[in-house]
Amino acid sequence: MQAWARELFFLCRAANLLICDDLQIMKIVLATFGSRGDVQPMLALSLALKSKGHDVLLAAPPEKAAWAKQLGCPFYPLGSDVTAFIDDMENAHSLRSAIYFVSFLRNELNTQFGLFPKIIADSDLLIGSSLTFALATLAESMGIAYRFIAFAPQMLPSGHYPFPAFKHQRLPKWYNRMTWRIARILDHFNITRLINNHRKQLGLKLIQDAWRHVLGRHVIVASDSAIAKVPADINEPAYTQTGYMHLNLPDQQLPQLDAFLEAGPPPVYAGFGSMPMRDQIRNTAVIVAAARLSGQRAVIGKFWDAPSEFANSDDIFFIKKYPHLKLFPKMAAVIHHGGAGTTATTAISGVPQIIVPHLLDQYYWGNQIYQSQLGPRPVWRSKLTSKKLAGAIRQCLSSEHYRQQARQVSDKIKQQDSLDLAVTEIMKSLP
């Protein structure tokens, strides 16, 4: 081989090695367990990591398999059908539903300890979120790097808000700290005990606090600091706040929606996401009455198949499975249940919002939106009436300040690519 050819050969070989080293193709398993709001941001992150060339697998409730396949995301079914479980409830805001939920979670935790070992085998990194409480222990047992993603700062213990099971948000710091202590004591006989039973079988040291164990040493907080900044009193665990991870879906052509929007001023949107179906059907009459009392047209998110008595109304339009990122900017305001994803999507869309919290961190988000001056005080689902909701709509739409604040917050959120920040943070975790 001539000298110039030999030199070119070694230069090409060196360049190839550098490219391969830079890619560092890794097997990454992302796991989440919950409703659509728990799955959607993890699906967005899975696709982003897949686009970087990594071997990615998303483990999530089985009813999301077709959705993941449609978007080209490798998928493994995890546990029971969460949507069916939620729809079997009468409502989500009662004590009976809370007890039902805890019993369901205990069974799913044991299921996770049986399923995860084969899902995560030979992985380089595990990323958990929501109710994947078995993942941290199994990552430790199998020697795999682990990160947890929280969709709300409220997942991190602080004196600035209570434990998520407590509804009231504007009470003193001593009360908030007390709720976290109470939760830890009560949980000692619940999730902590269940996890420790499995840790004994795995030969691992017992834990004292399941919540902190699941969070891990360095949490990724996937919420926007413009509406929910991590409080300054959190020293442990370490955290990085990246912003919410939006899933960009293709545009949908819906001429009927376009015609409805063009027929009058921007309507309000109302939809309570993944809350129990029967409760949502009952809420329809309340929403319609509230919209009419406030003199507004309404687009209502329909999460059930049965026809509605209001389907042929000129001032009401029902919509199913339409991307919120495409819909919300066209609305005058958004009324929703206060899920982390819907809150973040409304905020980046630049419109005011009215939150009707049903359970857990939804009360936190309702308070954050009120404190951020993006909407009026939340209306609790347990106290919801058409009159109260109509009052909130009138207050929301009559305030130029809410609209200005919503636009400013939207501009601030758009200044960074939250999904890219999350990917960059995860890259630091790769071995």
Foldseek 3Di string as FASTA:
>chain_A
DDPVVVVVVVVVVVVVVVVCVVLPAFEEEEEEEAAPLGVQLVLLLQVVNVVSVHNYEYEYAPVCVVVSVVVPGHYDHADHHRLVVQQVDLWCFDPVNVVVVLVVLQVSQVSLVVPVVVVCPPGQEYEYEDSSLQVLLVCVLVVHFYAYEYQALLLAQFLQAAAQQDQDRPDGSVVRNVRVVVVLVVCVPGPLVSNQVVCVVSVHDRDSGSSLSSRPQEYEHAADCLLHNNDPPGDPRHYDYQYHRHDDDDADDDVVVVVLLVVDPAFEEEEAGSHHQNVRLVCVVLQVLLCVVLPGAYEYEHPDDDDHPCPPPSRYHYDYPGDLLVPLLSHQEYEYQQRSVVLRSNLLSQHAYEHAHRGGCSSVSQVSSCVLLLFHRHHYPVRDGSVVSSVRVNVRNVDPSNSVSSNVSNVVSVVDNSSVSVVVVVVVRGD
